[in-house]
Amino acid sequence: MADRTVRDFPLFPLALVALPHELVPLHIFEERYRIMFDELLAHEGEFGIVWSTDTEDKSTGCACEIEQVLERMQDGRMNVLTRGTRPFRIVERQPDMPYPAATVEFLEDKVEEVDDAAVDTARAAYAELVVEATDNEPDPDELASKGAYEMAATVDFGLAAKQGLLDLRSENARMRLVTRLFRAALKRLDFVERAQARARSNGKVRFG
């Protein structure tokens, strides 16, 4: 555990959940986070996004790295594009830093045999969703290399569902969960399409 435990790890509690491989744009405006991001840029370090709700900050979050500074403003604010890298667990908060920080443990999946059926089913459901949502077929070679996080990072799920994925330490379990999420998203797409068709046919106002 010692090799996977890091002190003074910067935290960014937000009303969102990030996943490994997900691109997350951020607007940095509070002074403490300006300090954090100046240090991150100077040392090319990681920081952690944790889901902050009305009652708590979740203990499992996703480490992120800065992909690109999109804009710097004269007053110190900045717009940055970040990317999720790996999950972590907060071990202990550290109140002595100029910004939220903690000792964290980076999490590893349990050792298990790959459930090929679960993988194939998840990728098929993802491919169907991509086609329905974009009219584009996923590249077969790219699809064959995608894990659960990579597929889920491109779909706008609810926060609880994304946190559920982040909490799982089994890729097989994540594949089964994303399959359910992709199928649910397909049903929502179908419902929206049917609702829009009805709206066009009966003269009512279309939303969206």
Protein backbone atom coordinates (compact mmCIF):
# COMPACT_ATOMS: atom_id res chain seq x y z
CA MET A 1 0.00 0.00 0.00
CA ALA A 2 2.89 2.38 0.74
CA ASP A 3 3.85 2.70 -2.93
CA ARG A 4 0.26 3.61 -3.82
CA THR A 5 -0.21 6.14 -1.01
CA VAL A 6 0.51 9.83 -1.64
CA ARG A 7 0.50 12.76 0.80
CA ASP A 8 -0.37 16.37 -0.01
CA PHE A 9 -2.56 15.32 -2.92
CA PRO A 10 -4.61 18.30 -4.20
CA LEU A 11 -8.38 17.82 -4.14
CA PHE A 12 -11.05 19.62 -6.12
CA PRO A 13 -14.51 18.84 -4.64
CA LEU A 14 -17.14 19.51 -7.31
CA ALA A 15 -20.74 18.71 -8.12
CA LEU A 16 -19.57 16.23 -10.75
CA VAL A 17 -17.96 12.81 -11.08
CA ALA A 18 -14.95 12.28 -13.36
CA LEU A 19 -13.92 8.92 -14.79
CA PRO A 20 -10.53 7.72 -16.04
CA HIS A 21 -10.10 8.78 -19.71
CA GLU A 22 -12.86 11.39 -19.44
CA LEU A 23 -12.17 14.94 -20.65
CA VAL A 24 -13.35 17.47 -18.06
CA PRO A 25 -13.26 21.24 -18.78
CA LEU A 26 -12.89 23.41 -15.67
CA HIS A 27 -13.11 27.12 -14.91
CA ILE A 28 -10.68 28.05 -12.12
CA PHE A 29 -11.60 31.24 -10.27
CA GLU A 30 -11.26 30.81 -6.48
CA GLU A 31 -7.92 31.97 -5.10
CA ARG A 32 -7.11 28.65 -3.43
CA TYR A 33 -7.67 26.75 -6.65
CA ARG A 34 -5.65 29.27 -8.65
CA ILE A 35 -2.76 28.48 -6.30
CA MET A 36 -3.39 24.76 -6.74
CA PHE A 37 -3.40 24.92 -10.52
CA ASP A 38 -0.35 27.17 -10.70
CA GLU A 39 1.53 24.51 -8.69
CA LEU A 40 0.12 21.70 -10.84
CA LEU A 41 1.23 23.43 -14.02
CA ALA A 42 4.69 24.09 -12.60
CA HIS A 43 5.23 20.46 -11.61
CA GLU A 44 2.96 18.65 -14.13
CA GLY A 45 1.16 17.01 -11.22
CA GLU A 46 -2.18 15.30 -10.76
CA PHE A 47 -5.13 16.45 -8.68
CA GLY A 48 -8.27 14.67 -7.61
CA ILE A 49 -11.90 15.41 -8.41
CA VAL A 50 -14.32 14.17 -5.76
CA TRP A 51 -18.09 14.39 -5.95
CA SER A 52 -19.32 16.95 -3.43
CA THR A 53 -22.99 16.60 -2.53
CA ASP A 54 -25.15 18.66 -0.16
CA THR A 55 -24.25 16.31 2.69
CA GLU A 56 -20.75 14.94 2.00
CA ASP A 57 -17.70 14.64 -0.20
CA LYS A 58 -17.37 11.11 -1.54
CA SER A 59 -14.30 9.20 -0.37
CA THR A 60 -13.54 7.72 -3.79
CA GLY A 61 -12.52 10.10 -6.55
CA CYS A 62 -10.70 10.25 -9.85
CA ALA A 63 -7.23 11.67 -10.31
CA CYS A 64 -6.87 14.04 -13.26
CA GLU A 65 -4.09 15.72 -15.18
CA ILE A 66 -4.13 19.00 -17.07
CA GLU A 67 -4.33 18.40 -20.81
CA GLN A 68 -4.40 22.02 -21.91
CA VAL A 69 -4.75 25.56 -20.61
CA LEU A 70 -7.48 26.94 -22.82
CA GLU A 71 -7.44 30.51 -21.54
CA ARG A 72 -5.66 32.61 -18.91
CA MET A 73 -7.23 35.84 -17.75
CA GLN A 74 -5.39 38.85 -16.35
CA ASP A 75 -7.00 38.45 -12.93
CA GLY A 76 -5.60 34.89 -12.56
CA ARG A 77 -8.68 32.97 -13.58
CA MET A 78 -8.19 30.23 -16.14
CA ASN A 79 -10.08 27.73 -18.26
CA VAL A 80 -8.40 24.34 -18.45
CA LEU A 81 -9.10 21.00 -20.07
CA THR A 82 -8.31 18.05 -17.82
CA ARG A 83 -8.40 14.28 -18.29
CA GLY A 84 -9.20 11.57 -15.74
CA THR A 85 -6.36 9.14 -15.06
CA ARG A 86 -6.99 6.72 -12.16
CA PRO A 87 -9.26 6.17 -9.15
CA PHE A 88 -8.20 6.89 -5.59
CA ARG A 89 -9.52 6.71 -2.05
CA ILE A 90 -9.13 9.48 0.52
CA VAL A 91 -7.22 8.13 3.52
CA GLU A 92 -6.97 11.32 5.57
CA ARG A 93 -7.72 14.98 4.97
CA GLN A 94 -4.83 17.43 5.37
CA PRO A 95 -6.01 20.85 6.58
CA ASP A 96 -2.54 22.41 6.56
CA MET A 97 -2.41 23.11 2.82
CA PRO A 98 -3.50 26.37 1.09
CA TYR A 99 -6.12 24.37 -0.81
CA PRO A 100 -8.07 21.16 -0.12
CA ALA A 101 -5.68 18.21 0.07
CA ALA A 102 -5.43 14.72 1.50
CA THR A 103 -3.39 11.60 1.83
CA VAL A 104 -4.81 9.29 -0.82
CA GLU A 105 -4.42 5.68 -1.88
CA PHE A 106 -4.52 4.91 -5.59
CA LEU A 107 -6.79 1.94 -6.16
CA GLU A 108 -6.13 -1.21 -8.14
CA ASP A 109 -8.59 -3.75 -9.50
CA LYS A 110 -8.76 -7.22 -8.04
CA VAL A 111 -7.06 -9.96 -10.04
CA GLU A 112 -9.65 -11.91 -12.03
CA GLU A 113 -10.15 -13.76 -15.29
CA VAL A 114 -11.66 -11.67 -18.06
CA ASP A 115 -15.35 -12.38 -18.58
CA ASP A 116 -15.31 -12.36 -22.39
CA ALA A 117 -19.08 -12.55 -22.61
CA ALA A 118 -19.50 -9.47 -20.41
CA VAL A 119 -16.90 -7.58 -22.45
CA ASP A 120 -18.49 -8.49 -25.80
CA THR A 121 -21.98 -7.60 -24.57
CA ALA A 122 -20.83 -4.22 -23.22
CA ARG A 123 -19.00 -3.29 -26.42
CA ALA A 124 -21.98 -4.32 -28.54
CA ALA A 125 -24.34 -2.19 -26.44
CA TYR A 126 -21.93 0.74 -26.64
CA ALA A 127 -21.62 0.41 -30.42
CA GLU A 128 -25.41 0.37 -30.77
CA LEU A 129 -25.68 3.50 -28.61
CA VAL A 130 -23.02 5.33 -30.64
CA VAL A 131 -24.82 4.51 -33.89
CA GLU A 132 -28.20 5.60 -32.55
CA ALA A 133 -26.84 8.83 -31.04
CA THR A 134 -24.42 9.90 -33.77
CA ASP A 135 -25.21 7.86 -36.93
CA ASN A 136 -21.53 6.86 -36.94
CA GLU A 137 -20.18 3.33 -36.63
CA PRO A 138 -17.36 2.98 -34.05
CA ASP A 139 -14.05 1.88 -35.50
CA PRO A 140 -13.86 -1.90 -34.81
CA ASP A 141 -10.18 -1.82 -33.83
CA GLU A 142 -10.69 1.09 -31.45
CA LEU A 143 -13.78 -0.53 -29.95
CA ALA A 144 -11.89 -3.79 -29.37
CA SER A 145 -9.38 -1.97 -27.17
CA LYS A 146 -11.84 0.02 -25.07
CA GLY A 147 -12.40 -0.82 -21.43
CA ALA A 148 -15.45 0.08 -19.38
CA TYR A 149 -14.05 3.45 -18.26
CA GLU A 150 -13.10 4.45 -21.81
CA MET A 151 -16.58 3.74 -23.13
CA ALA A 152 -18.38 5.30 -20.18
CA ALA A 153 -16.22 8.44 -20.40
CA THR A 154 -17.92 9.38 -23.67
CA VAL A 155 -21.51 9.04 -22.42
CA ASP A 156 -23.33 11.52 -20.19
CA PHE A 157 -24.63 9.33 -17.36
CA GLY A 158 -26.06 10.52 -14.08
CA LEU A 159 -23.65 11.24 -11.23
CA ALA A 160 -24.74 8.29 -9.09
CA ALA A 161 -24.14 5.88 -11.98
CA LYS A 162 -20.68 7.31 -12.63
CA GLN A 163 -19.79 7.13 -8.94
CA GLY A 164 -20.93 3.52 -8.94
CA LEU A 165 -18.49 2.77 -11.76
CA LEU A 166 -15.69 4.56 -9.92
CA ASP A 167 -16.33 2.55 -6.74
CA LEU A 168 -16.09 -0.86 -8.45
CA ARG A 169 -12.75 -2.68 -8.26
CA SER A 170 -13.65 -5.27 -10.89
CA GLU A 171 -13.49 -4.63 -14.64
CA ASN A 172 -15.95 -7.49 -15.20
CA ALA A 173 -18.41 -5.81 -12.84
CA ARG A 174 -17.88 -2.47 -14.56
CA MET A 175 -18.56 -4.07 -17.95
CA ARG A 176 -21.84 -5.49 -16.65
CA LEU A 177 -22.82 -2.11 -15.18
CA VAL A 178 -22.02 -0.11 -18.32
CA THR A 179 -24.07 -2.60 -20.35
CA ARG A 180 -27.10 -1.77 -18.22
CA LEU A 181 -26.35 1.96 -18.48
CA PHE A 182 -25.93 1.85 -22.27
CA ARG A 183 -29.19 -0.07 -22.66
CA ALA A 184 -30.99 2.43 -20.45
CA ALA A 185 -29.58 5.28 -22.54
CA LEU A 186 -30.82 3.55 -25.70
CA LYS A 187 -34.31 3.35 -24.24
CA ARG A 188 -34.21 7.06 -23.40
CA LEU A 189 -33.10 7.87 -26.95
CA ASP A 190 -35.92 5.78 -28.35
CA PHE A 191 -38.42 7.52 -26.06
CA VAL A 192 -37.19 10.97 -27.14
CA GLU A 193 -37.35 10.04 -30.83
CA ARG A 194 -40.89 8.69 -30.46
CA ALA A 195 -41.94 11.80 -28.51
CA GLN A 196 -40.52 14.07 -31.19
CA ALA A 197 -42.26 12.09 -33.91
CA ARG A 198 -45.57 12.49 -32.06
CA ALA A 199 -44.93 16.22 -31.65
CA ARG A 200 -44.27 16.62 -35.38
CA SER A 201 -47.41 14.70 -36.25
CA ASN A 202 -49.86 16.52 -33.98
CA GLY A 203 -48.62 20.08 -34.28
CA LYS A 204 -47.48 20.47 -30.70
CA VAL A 205 -44.30 22.39 -29.86
CA ARG A 206 -41.04 20.45 -30.07
CA PHE A 207 -38.60 20.81 -27.22
CA GLY A 208 -34.86 20.57 -27.94
